[in-house]
Amino acid sequence: MEQLNQSIYKKTKAPIKVLQFGEGNFLRAFVDWIILKMNQKGVYNGHVAVVQPMPMGRVKDLEKQDGLYTLYLQGLEDGKAKRIHEVIDVLDDFINPFEQYDKYLSYAESSDLEVVISNTTEAGISLDPNDLDFTKCPTSFPGKLLAFLYHRYTYFKGDYDKGLCIIPCELIDNNGDELHRVLLELAKLKGYDEKFMEWLDKANHFTSTLVDRIVPGYPKDEVEEITKELGYVDSSLVKGEIFHLWVLKKEAVVEAKFPCNKAGLNVIYADSIKPYKERKVKILNGTHTAIVPVSYLYGIDTVRETIEEENLGRFAKEFIFDEVIPTIDLPKDEMNSFASSVLERYLNPYVRHELMSIALNSISKYKARILKTVHDYIERKNMLPRHALFSLAALLNFYEGKRGEEVIALKDDEAYLATFKKLYEEYYKDLNEEKLVHAVLKDTSMWGEDLTKISNFEEMVRKYYILQRKEGMKKALIIFLGEKQ
């Protein structure tokens, strides 16, 4: 069987307008797919040169297939299981700057080039004050990018029209602003003159982003079956979910030169990314964290089974729609649409999402993902969010480390685990639920605050904690769902 390349698939042609730092699964299943859709819709005419950010990487593998690879998207859409595939053909050139530094810098001389996109892991956007030798390929991503931008500045004699639109996708807050800051600081350490510093600061346009698509990557367990289906060998095959969201901070120049929001996709240029990030953290991630201890102690092992089960599914939906959505400042129809898409993602028949994989570091996750919802809900509604506190009570029970006769493999900060171990040893001496709940909620090292100081908080958590211990999670949840609010 032939390998995928231009001998069996004809590529489209377009000028290289995008320099992409990163050749991994996510960028290929997300950004490069979006660029393909932009081209297909006629709102863009651009292809990509891929830069390998680390000495070890996959640019040579991509080059062997002429940049062609197959993307499988699968999940639920409008309640129906859907699985589609398409060849992505936007990757045209492949650069290992550690071996091809001159070729890498030559792209800085391109008049066609307009956009830089990156995904170099969260650690990629960080300052290395010693990465200052630009006679060879710098080690860090900011070093590589600064060397590239300085070469461009020199080649085009400081022309402000030759600045670039820089769009990072790394999963850190304010990624565009942070990359901008690191580059300016590195340029100062490098000793560049004021004219270049001003060009770097003003001619280039840094756009912070929020990305969202689950990308399982190369489907090694299914590759034989998929190869038979495709009729060719594809060593760069990648899988992703159908759902996608890209929010970019509104920047007029970037939006004009890279109109990814015009291709009919779930892509938004927004005045602020903050509410969209809050929405993702509170709903997608927060609901994961809220359901884990409840569902696992109920006897369920996966996210999909949780949503499919009548009582657990109701619990999750009420948590989202009754307690989380009212705390986020976005239009209600947008919020409802996003929440519905999250529930649909949870039901994806192609993904087995184990609850125990989400359970890692549940204390810090509850603190980061749910406590803000608790405070915001109290502030807006002047009452406690019952589902969030029922989940917290379940978390205290979960950290006993038992599901019936089964030992739960708890994974968290050693200090937290030691605290719970000690508290449960003491609990079994006197069976004092009030003492245990009080000690946990008062522990500022866990929560960053004394939760017993919130009015009626301790009483409600203790009530649900005792209910779960006395009745078991199944009956306790049924009783909880039957309570009048």
Protein backbone atom coordinates (compact mmCIF):
# COMPACT_ATOMS: atom_id res chain seq x y z
CA MET A 1 0.00 0.00 0.00
CA GLU A 2 1.34 3.45 -0.96
CA GLN A 3 2.26 6.11 1.55
CA LEU A 4 0.28 9.35 1.48
CA ASN A 5 2.07 11.99 -0.59
CA GLN A 6 1.56 14.11 -3.69
CA SER A 7 1.76 11.09 -5.96
CA ILE A 8 -1.68 9.99 -4.73
CA TYR A 9 -3.14 13.32 -3.50
CA LYS A 10 -2.84 16.62 -5.35
CA LYS A 11 -2.10 19.56 -3.07
CA THR A 12 -3.58 23.00 -3.49
CA LYS A 13 -1.18 25.91 -3.96
CA ALA A 14 -0.96 29.11 -1.94
CA PRO A 15 1.77 31.47 -0.75
CA ILE A 16 3.35 30.68 2.62
CA LYS A 17 1.87 33.32 4.91
CA VAL A 18 2.18 31.48 8.24
CA LEU A 19 5.28 30.44 10.17
CA GLN A 20 4.23 27.77 12.66
CA PHE A 21 6.36 26.85 15.68
CA GLY A 22 5.31 23.31 16.51
CA GLU A 23 4.49 20.21 14.50
CA GLY A 24 2.56 18.29 17.12
CA ASN A 25 -0.88 16.75 17.08
CA PHE A 26 -2.76 19.74 18.48
CA LEU A 27 -1.66 22.34 15.96
CA ARG A 28 -2.21 19.93 13.08
CA ALA A 29 -5.70 18.93 14.31
CA PHE A 30 -6.74 22.48 15.22
CA VAL A 31 -4.95 25.47 13.66
CA ASP A 32 -3.91 23.81 10.39
CA TRP A 33 -7.45 22.44 9.99
CA ILE A 34 -8.81 25.95 10.54
CA ILE A 35 -6.41 27.34 7.90
CA LEU A 36 -7.63 24.65 5.48
CA LYS A 37 -11.25 25.69 6.13
CA MET A 38 -10.34 29.37 5.65
CA ASN A 39 -8.83 28.52 2.26
CA GLN A 40 -11.80 26.37 1.27
CA LYS A 41 -14.25 29.12 2.18
CA GLY A 42 -12.31 31.65 0.11
CA VAL A 43 -11.60 34.01 3.03
CA TYR A 44 -7.87 33.27 3.01
CA ASN A 45 -5.18 32.14 0.62
CA GLY A 46 -2.23 30.96 2.65
CA HIS A 47 -0.12 27.95 3.53
CA VAL A 48 2.28 27.15 6.34
CA ALA A 49 5.99 26.64 6.94
CA VAL A 50 6.54 24.47 10.01
CA VAL A 51 9.41 25.11 12.42
CA GLN A 52 10.47 22.31 14.75
CA PRO A 53 10.94 24.02 18.14
CA MET A 54 13.07 21.27 19.73
CA PRO A 55 16.10 19.31 18.45
CA MET A 56 13.93 16.18 18.40
CA GLY A 57 10.76 16.40 16.37
CA ARG A 58 8.68 15.32 13.40
CA VAL A 59 9.36 17.76 10.55
CA LYS A 60 11.22 15.11 8.55
CA ASP A 61 8.28 12.70 8.90
CA LEU A 62 5.91 15.40 7.67
CA GLU A 63 8.20 16.22 4.77
CA LYS A 64 8.23 12.57 3.65
CA GLN A 65 4.49 12.89 3.04
CA ASP A 66 4.82 16.33 1.39
CA GLY A 67 3.08 17.80 4.43
CA LEU A 68 -0.07 15.79 3.79
CA TYR A 69 -1.85 14.00 6.63
CA THR A 70 -5.32 12.74 7.45
CA LEU A 71 -7.39 14.24 10.24
CA TYR A 72 -10.21 12.17 11.76
CA LEU A 73 -12.83 14.13 13.67
CA GLN A 74 -15.31 12.19 15.74
CA GLY A 75 -17.92 12.83 18.37
CA LEU A 76 -21.55 13.78 18.78
CA GLU A 77 -23.12 16.47 16.63
CA ASP A 78 -26.77 17.37 17.19
CA GLY A 79 -27.06 14.22 19.30
CA LYS A 80 -25.79 11.89 16.57
CA ALA A 81 -22.46 10.04 16.49
CA LYS A 82 -20.35 11.41 13.65
CA ARG A 83 -16.96 10.38 12.29
CA ILE A 84 -15.41 12.21 9.35
CA HIS A 85 -11.94 12.41 7.86
CA GLU A 86 -10.14 14.77 5.54
CA VAL A 87 -6.63 15.25 4.15
CA ILE A 88 -5.01 18.47 5.39
CA ASP A 89 -2.76 20.00 2.71
CA VAL A 90 -1.66 23.41 4.05
CA LEU A 91 1.83 22.45 5.23
CA ASP A 92 4.35 23.33 2.51
CA ASP A 93 7.79 23.64 4.08
CA PHE A 94 9.57 22.01 7.01
CA ILE A 95 12.45 23.48 8.98
CA ASN A 96 14.65 22.09 11.70
CA PRO A 97 16.35 25.35 12.77
CA PHE A 98 18.99 23.46 14.75
CA GLU A 99 20.21 21.99 11.45
CA GLN A 100 18.88 24.61 9.00
CA TYR A 101 19.38 27.91 10.79
CA ASP A 102 20.07 29.88 7.60
CA LYS A 103 16.94 28.51 5.97
CA TYR A 104 14.97 29.41 9.08
CA LEU A 105 16.21 33.02 9.05
CA SER A 106 15.60 33.30 5.30
CA TYR A 107 11.87 33.18 5.97
CA ALA A 108 12.27 36.49 7.83
CA GLU A 109 13.00 37.98 4.40
CA SER A 110 9.64 36.88 2.96
CA SER A 111 7.20 39.58 1.92
CA ASP A 112 4.41 36.99 1.86
CA LEU A 113 4.86 36.09 5.53
CA GLU A 114 2.31 37.76 7.82
CA VAL A 115 1.53 35.44 10.74
CA VAL A 116 3.43 33.52 13.41
CA ILE A 117 1.57 30.77 15.31
CA SER A 118 3.03 28.71 18.14
CA ASN A 119 2.31 25.88 20.52
CA THR A 120 5.57 25.11 22.31
CA THR A 121 4.01 23.83 25.60
CA GLU A 122 3.25 26.01 28.60
CA ALA A 123 6.96 26.12 29.46
CA GLY A 124 7.79 27.42 25.97
CA ILE A 125 6.95 31.05 26.76
CA SER A 126 9.54 31.72 29.42
CA LEU A 127 12.61 33.90 29.65
CA ASP A 128 16.05 32.29 29.43
CA PRO A 129 18.42 35.20 30.17
CA ASN A 130 21.38 33.16 28.90
CA ASP A 131 19.87 32.42 25.48
CA LEU A 132 21.63 35.33 23.77
CA ASP A 133 23.92 33.77 21.16
CA PHE A 134 22.08 34.30 17.89
CA THR A 135 24.99 33.24 15.69
CA LYS A 136 23.47 29.75 16.03
CA CYS A 137 19.94 28.58 16.66
CA PRO A 138 18.80 29.80 20.10
CA THR A 139 17.54 27.16 22.50
CA SER A 140 14.32 28.78 23.69
CA PHE A 141 11.25 29.64 21.63
CA PRO A 142 11.45 33.36 22.57
CA GLY A 143 15.12 33.30 21.57
CA LYS A 144 14.33 31.79 18.16
CA LEU A 145 11.51 34.25 17.58
CA LEU A 146 13.57 37.28 18.64
CA ALA A 147 16.44 36.25 16.34
CA PHE A 148 13.92 35.89 13.52
CA LEU A 149 12.29 39.27 14.18
CA TYR A 150 15.64 41.07 14.41
CA HIS A 151 16.71 39.55 11.08
CA ARG A 152 13.40 40.73 9.56
CA TYR A 153 13.83 44.21 11.03
CA THR A 154 17.35 44.46 9.57
CA TYR A 155 16.45 43.02 6.17
CA PHE A 156 13.46 45.36 5.66
CA LYS A 157 15.31 48.35 7.20
CA GLY A 158 12.83 48.84 10.03
CA ASP A 159 9.73 48.98 7.80
CA TYR A 160 6.71 49.04 10.14
CA ASP A 161 4.57 47.38 7.47
CA LYS A 162 6.71 44.26 7.78
CA GLY A 163 5.78 43.58 11.38
CA LEU A 164 4.04 40.24 12.00
CA CYS A 165 0.81 39.04 13.59
CA ILE A 166 1.94 36.78 16.44
CA ILE A 167 -0.66 34.30 17.72
CA PRO A 168 0.49 31.93 20.49
CA CYS A 169 -1.65 28.93 21.47
CA GLU A 170 0.24 27.87 24.59
CA LEU A 171 -2.06 27.14 27.54
CA ILE A 172 -1.09 30.02 29.83
CA ASP A 173 -3.07 33.10 30.82
CA ASN A 174 -2.65 36.08 28.49
CA ASN A 175 -0.25 34.11 26.29
CA GLY A 176 0.13 36.90 23.71
CA ASP A 177 0.86 39.56 26.32
CA GLU A 178 3.28 37.24 28.10
CA LEU A 179 5.20 36.40 24.90
CA HIS A 180 5.35 40.12 24.09
CA ARG A 181 6.76 40.85 27.55
CA VAL A 182 9.37 38.08 27.37
CA LEU A 183 10.57 39.21 23.93
CA LEU A 184 10.98 42.81 25.07
CA GLU A 185 12.90 41.70 28.16
CA LEU A 186 15.13 39.37 26.13
CA ALA A 187 15.78 42.14 23.59
CA LYS A 188 16.92 44.43 26.42
CA LEU A 189 19.27 41.74 27.70
CA LYS A 190 20.56 41.33 24.16
CA GLY A 191 21.34 45.06 24.09
CA TYR A 192 19.35 45.96 20.98
CA ASP A 193 18.95 49.68 20.24
CA GLU A 194 15.86 51.77 20.88
CA LYS A 195 14.75 51.81 17.24
CA PHE A 196 14.53 48.02 17.13
CA MET A 197 12.85 47.94 20.54
CA GLU A 198 10.21 50.34 19.26
CA TRP A 199 9.73 48.30 16.05
CA LEU A 200 9.41 45.10 18.08
CA ASP A 201 6.86 46.74 20.36
CA LYS A 202 4.78 48.71 17.85
CA ALA A 203 5.10 47.06 14.41
CA ASN A 204 4.26 43.54 15.62
CA HIS A 205 0.84 42.59 16.89
CA PHE A 206 0.56 40.06 19.73
CA THR A 207 -2.81 38.36 20.20
CA SER A 208 -3.72 36.31 23.26
CA THR A 209 -5.84 33.23 22.61
CA LEU A 210 -7.91 30.49 24.20
CA VAL A 211 -7.98 27.13 22.41
CA ASP A 212 -10.30 24.19 23.03
CA ARG A 213 -10.39 20.85 21.23
CA ILE A 214 -9.56 17.41 22.62
CA VAL A 215 -6.92 15.81 20.39
CA PRO A 216 -6.17 12.18 21.31
CA GLY A 217 -3.49 12.14 18.59
CA TYR A 218 -2.22 9.20 16.59
CA PRO A 219 -4.70 6.28 16.84
CA LYS A 220 -2.18 3.48 17.27
CA ASP A 221 -4.82 0.98 18.43
CA GLU A 222 -6.91 1.52 15.29
CA VAL A 223 -4.25 2.18 12.68
CA GLU A 224 -4.64 -1.14 10.81
CA GLU A 225 -8.39 -0.72 10.46
CA ILE A 226 -8.04 2.96 9.45
CA THR A 227 -5.31 2.16 6.88
CA LYS A 228 -7.62 -0.36 5.20
CA GLU A 229 -10.39 2.22 5.16
CA LEU A 230 -8.18 4.93 3.66
CA GLY A 231 -6.33 2.75 1.16
CA TYR A 232 -2.97 4.36 1.94
CA VAL A 233 -0.40 4.49 4.73
CA ASP A 234 -0.34 7.70 6.79
CA SER A 235 2.29 7.89 9.51
CA SER A 236 1.11 11.39 10.49
CA LEU A 237 -2.55 10.49 10.97
CA VAL A 238 -4.21 12.41 13.81
CA LYS A 239 -7.56 12.24 15.62
CA GLY A 240 -9.54 14.98 17.30
CA GLU A 241 -13.04 15.67 18.57
CA ILE A 242 -15.55 17.51 16.41
CA PHE A 243 -16.01 20.31 18.94
CA HIS A 244 -13.62 23.24 18.54
CA LEU A 245 -13.35 26.74 19.95
CA TRP A 246 -10.75 29.42 19.30
CA VAL A 247 -11.11 32.78 21.02
CA LEU A 248 -8.60 35.46 20.00
CA LYS A 249 -8.28 38.86 21.60
CA LYS A 250 -9.53 41.45 19.14
CA GLU A 251 -6.69 43.16 17.31
CA ALA A 252 -7.71 44.95 14.10
CA VAL A 253 -4.53 44.17 12.12
CA VAL A 254 -4.55 40.50 13.11
CA GLU A 255 -8.23 40.09 12.32
CA ALA A 256 -7.73 41.69 8.89
CA LYS A 257 -4.71 39.59 7.94
CA PHE A 258 -5.88 36.33 9.52
CA PRO A 259 -9.72 36.26 9.26
CA CYS A 260 -10.20 32.85 10.86
CA ASN A 261 -13.55 34.06 12.24
CA LYS A 262 -14.93 34.37 8.69
CA ALA A 263 -14.83 30.66 7.81
CA GLY A 264 -18.07 29.63 9.51
CA LEU A 265 -16.27 27.97 12.42
CA ASN A 266 -16.50 28.35 16.20
CA VAL A 267 -13.84 31.08 16.16
CA ILE A 268 -14.27 34.46 17.86
CA TYR A 269 -12.28 37.69 17.98
CA ALA A 270 -13.35 39.11 21.35
CA ASP A 271 -12.63 42.29 23.30
CA SER A 272 -11.64 40.12 26.26
CA ILE A 273 -10.76 36.44 26.54
CA LYS A 274 -11.37 36.43 30.30
CA PRO A 275 -15.11 35.52 30.31
CA TYR A 276 -14.51 32.75 27.75
CA LYS A 277 -11.72 31.28 29.82
CA GLU A 278 -13.89 31.57 32.93
CA ARG A 279 -16.69 29.80 31.04
CA LYS A 280 -14.40 26.93 30.02
CA VAL A 281 -12.83 26.53 33.47
CA LYS A 282 -16.11 26.80 35.39
CA ILE A 283 -18.26 24.68 33.07
CA LEU A 284 -16.06 22.17 31.26
CA ASN A 285 -13.35 21.68 33.87
CA GLY A 286 -15.45 22.58 36.91
CA THR A 287 -18.17 20.06 36.09
CA HIS A 288 -15.56 17.35 35.60
CA THR A 289 -14.27 18.08 39.08
CA ALA A 290 -17.76 18.31 40.60
CA ILE A 291 -18.95 14.95 39.27
CA VAL A 292 -15.86 12.85 40.00
CA PRO A 293 -16.35 12.09 43.73
CA VAL A 294 -20.14 11.87 43.44
CA SER A 295 -20.13 9.60 40.41
CA TYR A 296 -17.21 7.41 41.46
CA LEU A 297 -18.70 6.71 44.90
CA TYR A 298 -22.02 6.09 43.13
CA GLY A 299 -20.26 3.19 41.35
CA ILE A 300 -19.57 4.76 37.95
CA ASP A 301 -16.15 4.87 36.26
CA THR A 302 -16.42 7.19 33.23
CA VAL A 303 -17.70 10.62 32.31
CA ARG A 304 -20.01 9.30 29.59
CA GLU A 305 -21.67 6.78 31.93
CA THR A 306 -22.14 9.60 34.46
CA ILE A 307 -24.13 11.78 32.08
CA GLU A 308 -26.11 8.80 30.79
CA GLU A 309 -27.17 7.75 34.32
CA GLU A 310 -30.45 9.47 35.22
CA ASN A 311 -29.60 10.85 38.67
CA LEU A 312 -25.96 11.69 37.99
CA GLY A 313 -26.82 13.28 34.65
CA ARG A 314 -29.44 15.43 36.36
CA PHE A 315 -26.93 16.42 39.06
CA ALA A 316 -24.38 17.53 36.44
CA LYS A 317 -26.94 19.50 34.42
CA GLU A 318 -28.36 21.25 37.47
CA PHE A 319 -24.86 22.16 38.63
CA ILE A 320 -24.09 23.73 35.24
CA PHE A 321 -27.37 25.49 34.49
CA ASP A 322 -28.48 26.45 38.01
CA GLU A 323 -25.20 27.28 39.73
CA VAL A 324 -22.44 27.96 37.20
CA ILE A 325 -24.08 29.81 34.32
CA PRO A 326 -25.57 32.53 36.57
CA THR A 327 -22.02 33.48 37.68
CA ILE A 328 -20.59 34.21 34.20
CA ASP A 329 -21.03 37.52 32.36
CA LEU A 330 -21.81 36.32 28.85
CA PRO A 331 -25.14 36.32 26.97
CA LYS A 332 -27.45 33.59 28.26
CA ASP A 333 -28.00 32.04 24.83
CA GLU A 334 -24.23 31.76 24.34
CA MET A 335 -23.88 30.17 27.76
CA ASN A 336 -26.68 27.67 27.16
CA SER A 337 -25.24 26.74 23.77
CA PHE A 338 -21.78 26.21 25.24
CA ALA A 339 -23.15 24.18 28.16
CA SER A 340 -25.09 21.96 25.77
CA SER A 341 -21.96 21.41 23.69
CA VAL A 342 -20.04 20.43 26.84
CA LEU A 343 -22.66 17.82 27.74
CA GLU A 344 -22.50 16.52 24.17
CA ARG A 345 -18.70 16.25 24.44
CA TYR A 346 -19.08 14.30 27.67
CA LEU A 347 -21.23 11.80 25.75
CA ASN A 348 -18.70 11.31 22.94
CA PRO A 349 -18.92 7.57 22.14
CA TYR A 350 -15.39 7.58 20.71
CA VAL A 351 -13.72 8.69 23.96
CA ARG A 352 -13.51 6.70 27.20
CA HIS A 353 -12.76 9.38 29.79
CA GLU A 354 -11.97 7.70 33.10
CA LEU A 355 -13.09 9.54 36.22
CA MET A 356 -9.91 8.52 38.02
CA SER A 357 -7.83 10.30 35.37
CA ILE A 358 -9.68 13.51 36.26
CA ALA A 359 -9.39 12.78 40.01
CA LEU A 360 -5.66 13.60 40.04
CA ASN A 361 -5.05 16.57 42.41
CA SER A 362 -8.76 16.97 43.15
CA ILE A 363 -8.18 19.33 46.09
CA SER A 364 -6.35 21.95 44.02
CA LYS A 365 -8.79 21.40 41.15
CA TYR A 366 -11.79 22.05 43.40
CA LYS A 367 -10.09 25.18 44.70
CA ALA A 368 -9.24 26.48 41.20
CA ARG A 369 -12.34 25.37 39.32
CA ILE A 370 -15.27 25.49 41.75
CA LEU A 371 -14.54 27.77 44.72
CA LYS A 372 -14.76 30.88 42.54
CA THR A 373 -18.18 29.69 41.38
CA VAL A 374 -19.17 29.26 45.04
CA HIS A 375 -18.14 32.80 45.95
CA ASP A 376 -19.64 34.34 42.81
CA TYR A 377 -22.93 32.47 43.35
CA ILE A 378 -23.17 33.62 46.99
CA GLU A 379 -22.45 37.20 45.94
CA ARG A 380 -25.10 37.20 43.20
CA LYS A 381 -27.78 34.99 44.75
CA ASN A 382 -27.19 35.52 48.48
CA MET A 383 -27.46 31.77 49.01
CA LEU A 384 -25.20 28.71 48.92
CA PRO A 385 -24.81 26.60 45.74
CA ARG A 386 -26.12 23.21 46.95
CA HIS A 387 -24.64 21.05 44.16
CA ALA A 388 -21.16 22.51 44.61
CA LEU A 389 -21.31 21.77 48.35
CA PHE A 390 -22.77 18.29 47.88
CA SER A 391 -19.77 17.63 45.61
CA LEU A 392 -17.39 18.97 48.26
CA ALA A 393 -18.94 16.66 50.87
CA ALA A 394 -18.46 13.78 48.41
CA LEU A 395 -14.84 14.83 47.96
CA LEU A 396 -14.27 14.52 51.72
CA ASN A 397 -15.76 11.03 51.58
CA PHE A 398 -13.74 10.20 48.45
CA TYR A 399 -10.50 11.08 50.28
CA GLU A 400 -11.17 8.39 52.83
CA GLY A 401 -9.81 6.23 50.00
CA LYS A 402 -12.52 3.57 49.88
CA ARG A 403 -15.32 2.61 47.51
CA GLY A 404 -16.99 -0.22 49.34
CA GLU A 405 -14.25 -2.83 49.72
CA GLU A 406 -12.20 -1.27 46.94
CA VAL A 407 -9.21 0.94 47.75
CA ILE A 408 -9.20 4.21 45.78
CA ALA A 409 -5.77 5.06 44.35
CA LEU A 410 -5.70 8.66 45.54
CA LYS A 411 -3.14 10.92 43.87
CA ASP A 412 -2.63 14.37 45.31
CA ASP A 413 -0.23 16.53 47.26
CA GLU A 414 1.39 14.32 49.90
CA ALA A 415 0.54 16.82 52.64
CA TYR A 416 -3.17 16.68 51.76
CA LEU A 417 -3.18 12.90 51.68
CA ALA A 418 -1.39 12.78 55.04
CA THR A 419 -3.96 15.17 56.53
CA PHE A 420 -6.89 13.02 55.41
CA LYS A 421 -5.18 9.83 56.58
CA LYS A 422 -4.69 11.33 60.03
CA LEU A 423 -8.23 12.73 60.21
CA TYR A 424 -9.81 9.41 59.24
CA GLU A 425 -7.70 7.53 61.77
CA GLU A 426 -9.02 9.92 64.43
CA TYR A 427 -12.55 9.70 63.04
CA TYR A 428 -12.71 5.95 63.52
CA LYS A 429 -11.80 6.41 67.18
CA ASP A 430 -14.75 8.66 67.98
CA LEU A 431 -16.95 8.66 64.80
CA ASN A 432 -17.19 12.44 65.02
CA GLU A 433 -18.24 13.76 61.59
CA GLU A 434 -18.48 17.33 62.86
CA LYS A 435 -14.84 17.32 63.95
CA LEU A 436 -13.57 15.92 60.63
CA VAL A 437 -15.56 18.30 58.43
CA HIS A 438 -14.56 21.29 60.54
CA ALA A 439 -10.87 20.39 60.38
CA VAL A 440 -10.88 19.98 56.59
CA LEU A 441 -12.84 23.15 55.84
CA LYS A 442 -10.71 25.21 58.21
CA ASP A 443 -7.45 24.10 56.56
CA THR A 444 -6.19 27.20 54.75
CA SER A 445 -3.27 25.27 53.24
CA MET A 446 -5.80 23.30 51.18
CA TRP A 447 -8.25 26.00 50.18
CA GLY A 448 -6.34 29.24 50.51
CA GLU A 449 -9.01 30.41 52.98
CA ASP A 450 -10.97 29.29 56.03
CA LEU A 451 -14.20 27.95 54.54
CA THR A 452 -15.86 27.72 57.97
CA LYS A 453 -16.13 31.53 57.93
CA ILE A 454 -18.64 31.46 55.07
CA SER A 455 -22.13 31.66 56.59
CA ASN A 456 -23.83 28.22 56.83
CA PHE A 457 -21.16 26.66 54.58
CA GLU A 458 -19.86 24.22 57.19
CA GLU A 459 -23.36 23.22 58.26
CA MET A 460 -24.43 22.37 54.71
CA VAL A 461 -21.27 20.40 53.88
CA ARG A 462 -21.56 18.49 57.16
CA LYS A 463 -25.23 17.71 56.44
CA TYR A 464 -24.40 16.22 53.03
CA TYR A 465 -21.27 14.47 54.32
CA ILE A 466 -23.30 12.66 57.00
CA LEU A 467 -26.11 11.88 54.55
CA GLN A 468 -23.65 10.23 52.14
CA ARG A 469 -21.99 8.19 54.87
CA LYS A 470 -25.29 7.07 56.37
CA GLU A 471 -27.22 6.27 53.17
CA GLY A 472 -24.48 5.59 50.63
CA MET A 473 -24.01 7.79 47.58
CA LYS A 474 -26.87 6.41 45.48
CA LYS A 475 -29.60 6.96 48.04
CA ALA A 476 -28.03 10.20 49.28
CA LEU A 477 -28.09 11.66 45.76
CA ILE A 478 -31.74 10.70 45.26
CA ILE A 479 -32.63 12.37 48.57
CA PHE A 480 -30.57 15.44 47.60
CA LEU A 481 -32.26 15.75 44.20
CA GLY A 482 -35.65 15.55 45.87
CA GLU A 483 -34.96 18.45 48.25
CA LYS A 484 -36.71 21.74 47.74
CA GLN A 485 -34.33 24.59 47.06
